[in-house]
PDB file of N, CA and C in Angstrom:
ATOM      1  N   MET A   1     225.263 163.035 127.247  1.00  0.00           N
ATOM      2  CA  MET A   1     226.649 163.520 127.047  1.00  0.00           C
ATOM      3  C   MET A   1     226.565 165.191 127.002  1.00  0.00           C
ATOM      4  N   LYS A   2     227.649 165.758 127.586  1.00  0.00           N
ATOM      5  CA  LYS A   2     227.778 167.260 127.579  1.00  0.00           C
ATOM      6  C   LYS A   2     228.404 167.735 126.365  1.00  0.00           C
ATOM      7  N   TYR A   3     227.866 168.759 125.791  1.00  0.00           N
ATOM      8  CA  TYR A   3     228.425 169.498 124.584  1.00  0.00           C
ATOM      9  C   TYR A   3     228.538 170.902 124.837  1.00  0.00           C
ATOM     10  N   MET A   4     229.692 171.501 124.425  1.00  0.00           N
ATOM     11  CA  MET A   4     229.903 172.954 124.534  1.00  0.00           C
ATOM     12  C   MET A   4     229.667 173.486 123.183  1.00  0.00           C
ATOM     13  N   LEU A   5     228.828 174.532 123.133  1.00  0.00           N
ATOM     14  CA  LEU A   5     228.566 175.211 121.915  1.00  0.00           C
ATOM     15  C   LEU A   5     229.166 176.530 122.076  1.00  0.00           C
ATOM     16  N   LEU A   6     230.223 176.680 121.196  1.00  0.00           N
ATOM     17  CA  LEU A   6     230.991 177.979 121.336  1.00  0.00           C
ATOM     18  C   LEU A   6     230.502 178.962 120.174  1.00  0.00           C
ATOM     19  N   LEU A   7     230.055 180.105 120.588  1.00  0.00           N
ATOM     20  CA  LEU A   7     229.388 181.092 119.642  1.00  0.00           C
ATOM     21  C   LEU A   7     230.324 182.195 119.161  1.00  0.00           C
ATOM     22  N   PHE A   8     230.611 182.129 117.836  1.00  0.00           N
ATOM     23  CA  PHE A   8     231.490 183.113 117.194  1.00  0.00           C
ATOM     24  C   PHE A   8     230.694 183.973 116.286  1.00  0.00           C
ATOM     25  N   ASN A   9     230.971 185.292 116.211  1.00  0.00           N
ATOM     26  CA  ASN A   9     230.312 186.288 115.382  1.00  0.00           C
ATOM     27  C   ASN A   9     231.220 187.602 115.343  1.00  0.00           C
ATOM     28  N   GLU A  10     230.988 188.493 114.455  1.00  0.00           N
ATOM     29  CA  GLU A  10     231.501 189.644 114.506  1.00  0.00           C
ATOM     30  C   GLU A  10     231.111 190.450 115.708  1.00  0.00           C
ATOM     31  N   GLU A  11     232.044 191.228 116.272  1.00  0.00           N
ATOM     32  CA  GLU A  11     231.712 191.998 117.511  1.00  0.00           C
ATOM     33  C   GLU A  11     231.035 193.237 117.215  1.00  0.00           C
ATOM     34  N   SER A  12     230.184 193.648 118.096  1.00  0.00           N
ATOM     35  CA  SER A  12     229.530 194.962 117.890  1.00  0.00           C
ATOM     36  C   SER A  12     229.484 195.674 119.232  1.00  0.00           C
ATOM     37  N   ASP A  13     229.468 196.994 119.241  1.00  0.00           N
ATOM     38  CA  ASP A  13     229.412 197.862 120.467  1.00  0.00           C
ATOM     39  C   ASP A  13     228.004 198.020 120.736  1.00  0.00           C
ATOM     40  N   GLU A  14     227.047 197.780 119.772  1.00  0.00           N
ATOM     41  CA  GLU A  14     225.627 197.989 120.087  1.00  0.00           C
ATOM     42  C   GLU A  14     225.026 196.983 121.146  1.00  0.00           C
ATOM     43  N   GLN A  15     224.178 197.497 121.874  1.00  0.00           N
ATOM     44  CA  GLN A  15     223.395 196.621 122.823  1.00  0.00           C
ATOM     45  C   GLN A  15     222.359 195.909 121.991  1.00  0.00           C
ATOM     46  N   PRO A  16     222.020 194.629 122.302  1.00  0.00           N
ATOM     47  CA  PRO A  16     220.895 194.027 121.535  1.00  0.00           C
ATOM     48  C   PRO A  16     219.475 194.734 121.918  1.00  0.00           C
ATOM     49  N   THR A  17     218.749 194.689 120.844  1.00  0.00           N
ATOM     50  CA  THR A  17     217.382 195.210 120.919  1.00  0.00           C
ATOM     51  C   THR A  17     216.514 194.277 121.698  1.00  0.00           C
ATOM     52  N   PRO A  18     215.364 194.803 122.240  1.00  0.00           N
ATOM     53  CA  PRO A  18     214.469 193.851 122.880  1.00  0.00           C
ATOM     54  C   PRO A  18     213.988 192.773 121.918  1.00  0.00           C
ATOM     55  N   GLU A  19     213.817 193.085 120.667  1.00  0.00           N
ATOM     56  CA  GLU A  19     213.506 191.970 119.685  1.00  0.00           C
ATOM     57  C   GLU A  19     214.579 190.877 119.643  1.00  0.00           C
ATOM     58  N   GLN A  20     215.819 191.323 119.580  1.00  0.00           N
ATOM     59  CA  GLN A  20     216.925 190.447 119.522  1.00  0.00           C
ATOM     60  C   GLN A  20     216.932 189.496 120.854  1.00  0.00           C
ATOM     61  N   MET A  21     216.826 190.214 122.007  1.00  0.00           N
ATOM     62  CA  MET A  21     216.878 189.500 123.299  1.00  0.00           C
ATOM     63  C   MET A  21     215.737 188.449 123.294  1.00  0.00           C
ATOM     64  N   ALA A  22     214.582 188.844 122.608  1.00  0.00           N
ATOM     65  CA  ALA A  22     213.368 187.879 122.702  1.00  0.00           C
ATOM     66  C   ALA A  22     213.810 186.564 121.858  1.00  0.00           C
ATOM     67  N   THR A  23     214.584 186.706 120.762  1.00  0.00           N
ATOM     68  CA  THR A  23     214.985 185.489 119.981  1.00  0.00           C
ATOM     69  C   THR A  23     215.889 184.683 120.859  1.00  0.00           C
ATOM     70  N   TRP A  24     216.683 185.187 121.681  1.00  0.00           N
ATOM     71  CA  TRP A  24     217.649 184.426 122.518  1.00  0.00           C
ATOM     72  C   TRP A  24     216.680 183.753 123.667  1.00  0.00           C
ATOM     73  N   GLN A  25     215.724 184.347 124.143  1.00  0.00           N
ATOM     74  CA  GLN A  25     214.843 183.682 125.069  1.00  0.00           C
ATOM     75  C   GLN A  25     214.052 182.651 124.490  1.00  0.00           C
ATOM     76  N   THR A  26     213.596 182.939 123.365  1.00  0.00           N
ATOM     77  CA  THR A  26     212.827 181.805 122.596  1.00  0.00           C
ATOM     78  C   THR A  26     213.674 180.586 122.302  1.00  0.00           C
ATOM     79  N   PHE A  27     214.954 180.857 121.943  1.00  0.00           N
ATOM     80  CA  PHE A  27     215.953 179.821 121.790  1.00  0.00           C
ATOM     81  C   PHE A  27     216.116 178.964 123.099  1.00  0.00           C
ATOM     82  N   GLY A  28     216.351 179.583 124.153  1.00  0.00           N
ATOM     83  CA  GLY A  28     216.338 179.069 125.588  1.00  0.00           C
ATOM     84  C   GLY A  28     215.288 178.213 125.841  1.00  0.00           C
ATOM     85  N   GLU A  29     214.105 178.757 125.615  1.00  0.00           N
ATOM     86  CA  GLU A  29     212.830 177.899 125.981  1.00  0.00           C
ATOM     87  C   GLU A  29     212.735 176.821 125.078  1.00  0.00           C
ATOM     88  N   GLY A  30     213.081 176.706 123.836  1.00  0.00           N
ATOM     89  CA  GLY A  30     213.041 175.564 122.942  1.00  0.00           C
ATOM     90  C   GLY A  30     214.041 174.606 123.319  1.00  0.00           C
ATOM     91  N   ALA A  31     215.252 175.030 123.720  1.00  0.00           N
ATOM     92  CA  ALA A  31     216.400 174.153 124.084  1.00  0.00           C
ATOM     93  C   ALA A  31     216.088 173.329 125.290  1.00  0.00           C
ATOM     94  N   ALA A  32     215.336 174.028 126.220  1.00  0.00           N
ATOM     95  CA  ALA A  32     214.989 173.302 127.497  1.00  0.00           C
ATOM     96  C   ALA A  32     214.014 172.104 127.219  1.00  0.00           C
ATOM     97  N   LYS A  33     213.354 172.072 126.197  1.00  0.00           N
ATOM     98  CA  LYS A  33     212.496 170.908 125.694  1.00  0.00           C
ATOM     99  C   LYS A  33     213.209 169.717 125.290  1.00  0.00           C
ATOM    100  N   VAL A  34     214.548 170.026 124.873  1.00  0.00           N
ATOM    101  CA  VAL A  34     215.282 168.723 124.348  1.00  0.00           C
ATOM    102  C   VAL A  34     216.620 168.484 124.976  1.00  0.00           C
ATOM    103  N   ALA A  35     217.030 169.442 125.879  1.00  0.00           N
ATOM    104  CA  ALA A  35     218.361 169.188 126.446  1.00  0.00           C
ATOM    105  C   ALA A  35     218.234 169.919 127.834  1.00  0.00           C
ATOM    106  N   THR A  36     219.305 169.571 128.723  1.00  0.00           N
ATOM    107  CA  THR A  36     219.506 170.272 130.011  1.00  0.00           C
ATOM    108  C   THR A  36     220.592 171.257 129.816  1.00  0.00           C
ATOM    109  N   GLN A  37     220.294 172.478 130.062  1.00  0.00           N
ATOM    110  CA  GLN A  37     221.251 173.528 129.978  1.00  0.00           C
ATOM    111  C   GLN A  37     222.164 173.397 131.341  1.00  0.00           C
ATOM    112  N   VAL A  38     223.573 173.177 131.220  1.00  0.00           N
ATOM    113  CA  VAL A  38     224.444 173.080 132.255  1.00  0.00           C
ATOM    114  C   VAL A  38     224.966 174.466 132.631  1.00  0.00           C
ATOM    115  N   SER A  39     225.362 175.274 131.598  1.00  0.00           N
ATOM    116  CA  SER A  39     225.802 176.620 131.897  1.00  0.00           C
ATOM    117  C   SER A  39     225.670 177.469 130.545  1.00  0.00           C
ATOM    118  N   ALA A  40     225.813 178.675 130.711  1.00  0.00           N
ATOM    119  CA  ALA A  40     225.742 179.621 129.521  1.00  0.00           C
ATOM    120  C   ALA A  40     226.296 180.976 129.974  1.00  0.00           C
ATOM    121  N   GLU A  41     227.080 181.568 129.119  1.00  0.00           N
ATOM    122  CA  GLU A  41     227.498 182.906 129.463  1.00  0.00           C
ATOM    123  C   GLU A  41     227.940 183.737 128.196  1.00  0.00           C
ATOM    124  N   ALA A  42     227.573 185.000 128.190  1.00  0.00           N
ATOM    125  CA  ALA A  42     228.062 185.931 127.198  1.00  0.00           C
ATOM    126  C   ALA A  42     229.321 186.382 127.607  1.00  0.00           C
ATOM    127  N   LEU A  43     230.240 186.762 126.731  1.00  0.00           N
ATOM    128  CA  LEU A  43     231.632 187.214 127.136  1.00  0.00           C
ATOM    129  C   LEU A  43     231.748 188.674 126.770  1.00  0.00           C
ATOM    130  N   GLN A  44     232.664 189.273 127.608  1.00  0.00           N
ATOM    131  CA  GLN A  44     233.008 190.802 127.289  1.00  0.00           C
ATOM    132  C   GLN A  44     233.669 190.768 126.029  1.00  0.00           C
ATOM    133  N   PRO A  45     233.910 191.967 125.352  1.00  0.00           N
ATOM    134  CA  PRO A  45     234.529 192.160 124.046  1.00  0.00           C
ATOM    135  C   PRO A  45     235.944 191.498 124.078  1.00  0.00           C
ATOM    136  N   SER A  46     236.418 191.047 122.871  1.00  0.00           N
ATOM    137  CA  SER A  46     237.772 190.499 122.804  1.00  0.00           C
ATOM    138  C   SER A  46     238.909 191.447 123.206  1.00  0.00           C
ATOM    139  N   ALA A  47     238.604 192.699 123.184  1.00  0.00           N
ATOM    140  CA  ALA A  47     239.574 193.703 123.495  1.00  0.00           C
ATOM    141  C   ALA A  47     239.930 193.622 125.043  1.00  0.00           C
ATOM    142  N   THR A  48     238.991 192.987 125.689  1.00  0.00           N
ATOM    143  CA  THR A  48     239.250 192.811 127.286  1.00  0.00           C
ATOM    144  C   THR A  48     240.065 191.576 127.541  1.00  0.00           C
ATOM    145  N   ALA A  49     240.262 190.759 126.566  1.00  0.00           N
ATOM    146  CA  ALA A  49     240.916 189.430 126.834  1.00  0.00           C
ATOM    147  C   ALA A  49     242.432 189.585 127.047  1.00  0.00           C
ATOM    148  N   SER A  50     242.946 188.667 127.779  1.00  0.00           N
ATOM    149  CA  SER A  50     244.343 188.595 128.045  1.00  0.00           C
ATOM    150  C   SER A  50     244.772 187.152 127.760  1.00  0.00           C
ATOM    151  N   VAL A  51     245.877 186.923 126.979  1.00  0.00           N
ATOM    152  CA  VAL A  51     246.375 185.694 126.473  1.00  0.00           C
ATOM    153  C   VAL A  51     247.600 185.348 127.281  1.00  0.00           C
ATOM    154  N   VAL A  52     247.605 184.218 127.839  1.00  0.00           N
ATOM    155  CA  VAL A  52     248.776 183.809 128.725  1.00  0.00           C
ATOM    156  C   VAL A  52     249.510 182.551 128.103  1.00  0.00           C
ATOM    157  N   SER A  53     250.695 182.611 128.031  1.00  0.00           N
ATOM    158  CA  SER A  53     251.475 181.510 127.528  1.00  0.00           C
ATOM    159  C   SER A  53     252.766 181.574 128.309  1.00  0.00           C
ATOM    160  N   VAL A  54     253.424 180.190 128.433  1.00  0.00           N
ATOM    161  CA  VAL A  54     254.638 180.094 129.138  1.00  0.00           C
ATOM    162  C   VAL A  54     255.714 179.540 128.076  1.00  0.00           C
ATOM    163  N   ARG A  55     256.791 180.295 127.998  1.00  0.00           N
ATOM    164  CA  ARG A  55     257.907 179.802 127.081  1.00  0.00           C
ATOM    165  C   ARG A  55     259.125 179.877 127.834  1.00  0.00           C
ATOM    166  N   ASN A  56     259.899 178.726 127.843  1.00  0.00           N
ATOM    167  CA  ASN A  56     261.252 178.788 128.575  1.00  0.00           C
ATOM    168  C   ASN A  56     261.025 179.117 130.018  1.00  0.00           C
ATOM    169  N   ARG A  57     259.881 178.740 130.653  1.00  0.00           N
ATOM    170  CA  ARG A  57     259.521 178.971 132.050  1.00  0.00           C
ATOM    171  C   ARG A  57     259.229 180.443 132.311  1.00  0.00           C
ATOM    172  N   GLU A  58     259.066 181.114 131.210  1.00  0.00           N
ATOM    173  CA  GLU A  58     258.738 182.654 131.420  1.00  0.00           C
ATOM    174  C   GLU A  58     257.168 182.776 131.060  1.00  0.00           C
ATOM    175  N   THR A  59     256.553 183.429 131.863  1.00  0.00           N
ATOM    176  CA  THR A  59     255.016 183.778 131.608  1.00  0.00           C
ATOM    177  C   THR A  59     254.991 184.947 130.723  1.00  0.00           C
ATOM    178  N   ILE A  60     254.262 184.777 129.649  1.00  0.00           N
ATOM    179  CA  ILE A  60     254.116 186.061 128.767  1.00  0.00           C
ATOM    180  C   ILE A  60     252.569 186.298 128.688  1.00  0.00           C
ATOM    181  N   VAL A  61     252.142 187.598 128.964  1.00  0.00           N
ATOM    182  CA  VAL A  61     250.812 187.938 128.876  1.00  0.00           C
ATOM    183  C   VAL A  61     250.655 188.955 127.771  1.00  0.00           C
ATOM    184  N   SER A  62     249.693 188.732 126.919  1.00  0.00           N
ATOM    185  CA  SER A  62     249.435 189.714 125.765  1.00  0.00           C
ATOM    186  C   SER A  62     247.985 190.093 125.997  1.00  0.00           C
ATOM    187  N   ASP A  63     247.771 191.494 125.385  1.00  0.00           N
ATOM    188  CA  ASP A  63     246.453 191.982 125.424  1.00  0.00           C
ATOM    189  C   ASP A  63     245.736 191.496 124.244  1.00  0.00           C
ATOM    190  N   GLY A  64     244.285 191.525 124.361  1.00  0.00           N
ATOM    191  CA  GLY A  64     243.604 191.376 123.223  1.00  0.00           C
ATOM    192  C   GLY A  64     243.336 189.980 122.751  1.00  0.00           C
ATOM    193  N   PRO A  65     242.675 189.769 121.675  1.00  0.00           N
ATOM    194  CA  PRO A  65     242.358 188.288 121.210  1.00  0.00           C
ATOM    195  C   PRO A  65     243.608 187.678 120.737  1.00  0.00           C
ATOM    196  N   PHE A  66     243.716 186.430 120.777  1.00  0.00           N
ATOM    197  CA  PHE A  66     244.772 185.628 120.195  1.00  0.00           C
ATOM    198  C   PHE A  66     244.651 185.546 118.684  1.00  0.00           C
ATOM    199  N   ILE A  67     243.565 185.303 118.201  1.00  0.00           N
ATOM    200  CA  ILE A  67     243.404 185.360 116.626  1.00  0.00           C
ATOM    201  C   ILE A  67     242.970 186.660 116.181  1.00  0.00           C
ATOM    202  N   ASP A  68     243.548 187.054 115.088  1.00  0.00           N
ATOM    203  CA  ASP A  68     243.237 188.260 114.349  1.00  0.00           C
ATOM    204  C   ASP A  68     242.189 187.943 113.203  1.00  0.00           C
ATOM    205  N   THR A  69     240.894 188.171 113.674  1.00  0.00           N
ATOM    206  CA  THR A  69     239.838 187.806 112.598  1.00  0.00           C
ATOM    207  C   THR A  69     238.642 188.581 113.067  1.00  0.00           C
ATOM    208  N   LYS A  70     237.666 188.808 112.146  1.00  0.00           N
ATOM    209  CA  LYS A  70     236.515 189.535 112.390  1.00  0.00           C
ATOM    210  C   LYS A  70     235.620 188.827 113.436  1.00  0.00           C
ATOM    211  N   GLU A  71     235.460 187.445 113.292  1.00  0.00           N
ATOM    212  CA  GLU A  71     234.618 186.780 114.161  1.00  0.00           C
ATOM    213  C   GLU A  71     235.448 186.477 115.506  1.00  0.00           C
ATOM    214  N   GLN A  72     234.753 186.701 116.630  1.00  0.00           N
ATOM    215  CA  GLN A  72     235.421 186.434 117.842  1.00  0.00           C
ATOM    216  C   GLN A  72     234.419 185.591 118.623  1.00  0.00           C
ATOM    217  N   LEU A  73     235.049 184.840 119.759  1.00  0.00           N
ATOM    218  CA  LEU A  73     234.231 184.016 120.604  1.00  0.00           C
ATOM    219  C   LEU A  73     233.461 185.003 121.492  1.00  0.00           C
ATOM    220  N   GLY A  74     232.103 184.971 121.431  1.00  0.00           N
ATOM    221  CA  GLY A  74     231.239 185.873 122.100  1.00  0.00           C
ATOM    222  C   GLY A  74     230.598 185.301 123.340  1.00  0.00           C
ATOM    223  N   GLY A  75     230.590 183.938 123.380  1.00  0.00           N
ATOM    224  CA  GLY A  75     229.909 183.338 124.420  1.00  0.00           C
ATOM    225  C   GLY A  75     229.747 181.789 124.215  1.00  0.00           C
ATOM    226  N   PHE A  76     229.085 181.065 125.122  1.00  0.00           N
ATOM    227  CA  PHE A  76     229.022 179.641 125.064  1.00  0.00           C
ATOM    228  C   PHE A  76     227.863 179.085 125.847  1.00  0.00           C
ATOM    229  N   TYR A  77     227.436 178.020 125.440  1.00  0.00           N
ATOM    230  CA  TYR A  77     226.526 177.143 126.130  1.00  0.00           C
ATOM    231  C   TYR A  77     227.057 175.783 126.454  1.00  0.00           C
ATOM    232  N   VAL A  78     226.752 175.264 127.524  1.00  0.00           N
ATOM    233  CA  VAL A  78     226.927 173.758 127.733  1.00  0.00           C
ATOM    234  C   VAL A  78     225.634 173.068 128.009  1.00  0.00           C
ATOM    235  N   PHE A  79     225.355 172.030 127.073  1.00  0.00           N
ATOM    236  CA  PHE A  79     224.053 171.459 127.233  1.00  0.00           C
ATOM    237  C   PHE A  79     224.438 169.899 127.507  1.00  0.00           C
ATOM    238  N   ASP A  80     223.577 169.260 128.363  1.00  0.00           N
ATOM    239  CA  ASP A  80     223.562 167.788 128.498  1.00  0.00           C
ATOM    240  C   ASP A  80     222.571 167.297 127.495  1.00  0.00           C
ATOM    241  N   CYS A  81     223.081 166.663 126.359  1.00  0.00           N
ATOM    242  CA  CYS A  81     222.070 166.173 125.411  1.00  0.00           C
ATOM    243  C   CYS A  81     222.128 164.691 125.187  1.00  0.00           C
ATOM    244  N   GLU A  82     221.097 164.089 124.760  1.00  0.00           N
ATOM    245  CA  GLU A  82     221.017 162.678 124.549  1.00  0.00           C
ATOM    246  C   GLU A  82     222.034 162.215 123.501  1.00  0.00           C
ATOM    247  N   ASN A  83     222.312 163.000 122.452  1.00  0.00           N
ATOM    248  CA  ASN A  83     223.282 162.588 121.457  1.00  0.00           C
ATOM    249  C   ASN A  83     223.763 163.787 120.665  1.00  0.00           C
ATOM    250  N   LEU A  84     224.751 163.566 119.829  1.00  0.00           N
ATOM    251  CA  LEU A  84     225.205 164.681 119.021  1.00  0.00           C
ATOM    252  C   LEU A  84     224.281 165.353 118.086  1.00  0.00           C
ATOM    253  N   ASP A  85     223.263 164.508 117.579  1.00  0.00           N
ATOM    254  CA  ASP A  85     222.349 165.170 116.637  1.00  0.00           C
ATOM    255  C   ASP A  85     221.463 166.242 117.386  1.00  0.00           C
ATOM    256  N   ILE A  86     221.178 166.019 118.627  1.00  0.00           N
ATOM    257  CA  ILE A  86     220.467 167.021 119.310  1.00  0.00           C
ATOM    258  C   ILE A  86     221.248 168.261 119.571  1.00  0.00           C
ATOM    259  N   ALA A  87     222.618 168.120 119.876  1.00  0.00           N
ATOM    260  CA  ALA A  87     223.472 169.181 120.056  1.00  0.00           C
ATOM    261  C   ALA A  87     223.614 170.013 118.721  1.00  0.00           C
ATOM    262  N   LEU A  88     223.699 169.266 117.597  1.00  0.00           N
ATOM    263  CA  LEU A  88     223.792 170.061 116.379  1.00  0.00           C
ATOM    264  C   LEU A  88     222.468 170.723 116.030  1.00  0.00           C
ATOM    265  N   GLU A  89     221.410 170.161 116.306  1.00  0.00           N
ATOM    266  CA  GLU A  89     220.090 170.801 116.063  1.00  0.00           C
ATOM    267  C   GLU A  89     219.911 172.120 116.922  1.00  0.00           C
ATOM    268  N   LEU A  90     220.396 172.062 118.213  1.00  0.00           N
ATOM    269  CA  LEU A  90     220.409 173.115 119.028  1.00  0.00           C
ATOM    270  C   LEU A  90     221.287 174.296 118.458  1.00  0.00           C
ATOM    271  N   ALA A  91     222.451 173.880 117.981  1.00  0.00           N
ATOM    272  CA  ALA A  91     223.505 174.969 117.361  1.00  0.00           C
ATOM    273  C   ALA A  91     222.872 175.589 116.246  1.00  0.00           C
ATOM    274  N   ALA A  92     222.176 174.919 115.555  1.00  0.00           N
ATOM    275  CA  ALA A  92     221.596 175.573 114.196  1.00  0.00           C
ATOM    276  C   ALA A  92     220.492 176.591 114.541  1.00  0.00           C
ATOM    277  N   LYS A  93     219.955 176.410 115.725  1.00  0.00           N
ATOM    278  CA  LYS A  93     218.750 177.350 116.230  1.00  0.00           C
ATOM    279  C   LYS A  93     219.369 178.527 117.051  1.00  0.00           C
ATOM    280  N   ILE A  94     220.569 178.507 117.396  1.00  0.00           N
ATOM    281  CA  ILE A  94     221.168 179.732 117.964  1.00  0.00           C
ATOM    282  C   ILE A  94     221.078 180.952 117.215  1.00  0.00           C
ATOM    283  N   PRO A  95     220.502 182.037 117.754  1.00  0.00           N
ATOM    284  CA  PRO A  95     220.274 183.268 116.775  1.00  0.00           C
ATOM    285  C   PRO A  95     221.473 183.665 116.128  1.00  0.00           C
ATOM    286  N   TRP A  96     222.641 183.423 116.588  1.00  0.00           N
ATOM    287  CA  TRP A  96     223.953 183.924 115.803  1.00  0.00           C
ATOM    288  C   TRP A  96     224.141 183.013 114.608  1.00  0.00           C
ATOM    289  N   ALA A  97     223.689 181.808 114.683  1.00  0.00           N
ATOM    290  CA  ALA A  97     224.035 180.797 113.521  1.00  0.00           C
ATOM    291  C   ALA A  97     224.015 181.327 112.222  1.00  0.00           C
ATOM    292  N   PRO A  98     222.988 182.172 111.781  1.00  0.00           N
ATOM    293  CA  PRO A  98     222.817 182.651 110.530  1.00  0.00           C
ATOM    294  C   PRO A  98     223.871 183.650 110.113  1.00  0.00           C
ATOM    295  N   THR A  99     224.547 184.358 110.997  1.00  0.00           N
ATOM    296  CA  THR A  99     225.486 185.395 110.747  1.00  0.00           C
ATOM    297  C   THR A  99     226.942 185.148 111.238  1.00  0.00           C
ATOM    298  N   GLY A 100     227.065 184.074 112.021  1.00  0.00           N
ATOM    299  CA  GLY A 100     228.472 183.744 112.534  1.00  0.00           C
ATOM    300  C   GLY A 100     228.514 182.139 112.374  1.00  0.00           C
ATOM    301  N   HIS A 101     229.186 181.460 113.328  1.00  0.00           N
ATOM    302  CA  HIS A 101     229.163 180.119 113.413  1.00  0.00           C
ATOM    303  C   HIS A 101     229.304 179.579 114.708  1.00  0.00           C
ATOM    304  N   ILE A 102     228.854 178.426 114.965  1.00  0.00           N
ATOM    305  CA  ILE A 102     228.743 177.732 116.218  1.00  0.00           C
ATOM    306  C   ILE A 102     229.590 176.507 116.161  1.00  0.00           C
ATOM    307  N   GLU A 103     230.576 176.382 117.083  1.00  0.00           N
ATOM    308  CA  GLU A 103     231.469 175.182 117.159  1.00  0.00           C
ATOM    309  C   GLU A 103     230.805 174.349 118.244  1.00  0.00           C
ATOM    310  N   VAL A 104     230.605 172.953 117.984  1.00  0.00           N
ATOM    311  CA  VAL A 104     229.950 172.088 118.796  1.00  0.00           C
ATOM    312  C   VAL A 104     231.179 171.103 119.231  1.00  0.00           C
ATOM    313  N   ARG A 105     231.403 170.929 120.507  1.00  0.00           N
ATOM    314  CA  ARG A 105     232.449 170.020 120.949  1.00  0.00           C
ATOM    315  C   ARG A 105     232.006 169.179 122.168  1.00  0.00           C
ATOM    316  N   PRO A 106     232.181 167.865 122.108  1.00  0.00           N
ATOM    317  CA  PRO A 106     231.785 167.169 123.214  1.00  0.00           C
ATOM    318  C   PRO A 106     232.749 167.443 124.483  1.00  0.00           C
ATOM    319  N   VAL A 107     232.132 167.464 125.614  1.00  0.00           N
ATOM    320  CA  VAL A 107     233.013 167.771 126.789  1.00  0.00           C
ATOM    321  C   VAL A 107     233.646 166.435 127.247  1.00  0.00           C
ATOM    322  N   MET A 108     234.917 166.574 127.574  1.00  0.00           N
ATOM    323  CA  MET A 108     235.680 165.392 128.023  1.00  0.00           C
ATOM    324  C   MET A 108     235.189 165.087 129.447  1.00  0.00           C
ATOM    325  N   GLU A 109     234.914 163.720 129.621  1.00  0.00           N
ATOM    326  CA  GLU A 109     234.539 163.210 131.046  1.00  0.00           C
ATOM    327  C   GLU A 109     235.628 162.387 131.475  1.00  0.00           C
ATOM    328  N   PHE A 110     236.155 162.641 132.683  1.00  0.00           N
ATOM    329  CA  PHE A 110     237.168 161.784 133.361  1.00  0.00           C
ATOM    330  C   PHE A 110     236.398 161.063 134.482  1.00  0.00           C
ATOM    331  N   GLU A 111     236.981 159.895 134.770  1.00  0.00           N
ATOM    332  CA  GLU A 111     236.470 159.065 135.848  1.00  0.00           C
ATOM    333  C   GLU A 111     237.095 159.268 137.135  1.00  0.00           C
TER     334      GLU A 111
END
């Protein structure tokens, strides 16, 4: 089953250090041993976001994040895992888990 792991943390203008990048690389190598990575992306800062809604047939576009909070969605992984327990174990090993939070959601599969 596929699981999306949504990564939330406080935003920073600082670029990751080589040591921080190495922890992400180590995570990826470990994850490859227990699951198949389907996709993964880091996201631009929330200030670059646009929020689209339609009300009474009118399209409304707003700038910036939808939710006013310190933690923002910063990226995601999609893994094909044998079960939820493996997805949860992977989420706990993501470098942001100690300072942010990781939402784990099964991906809907349609026939």
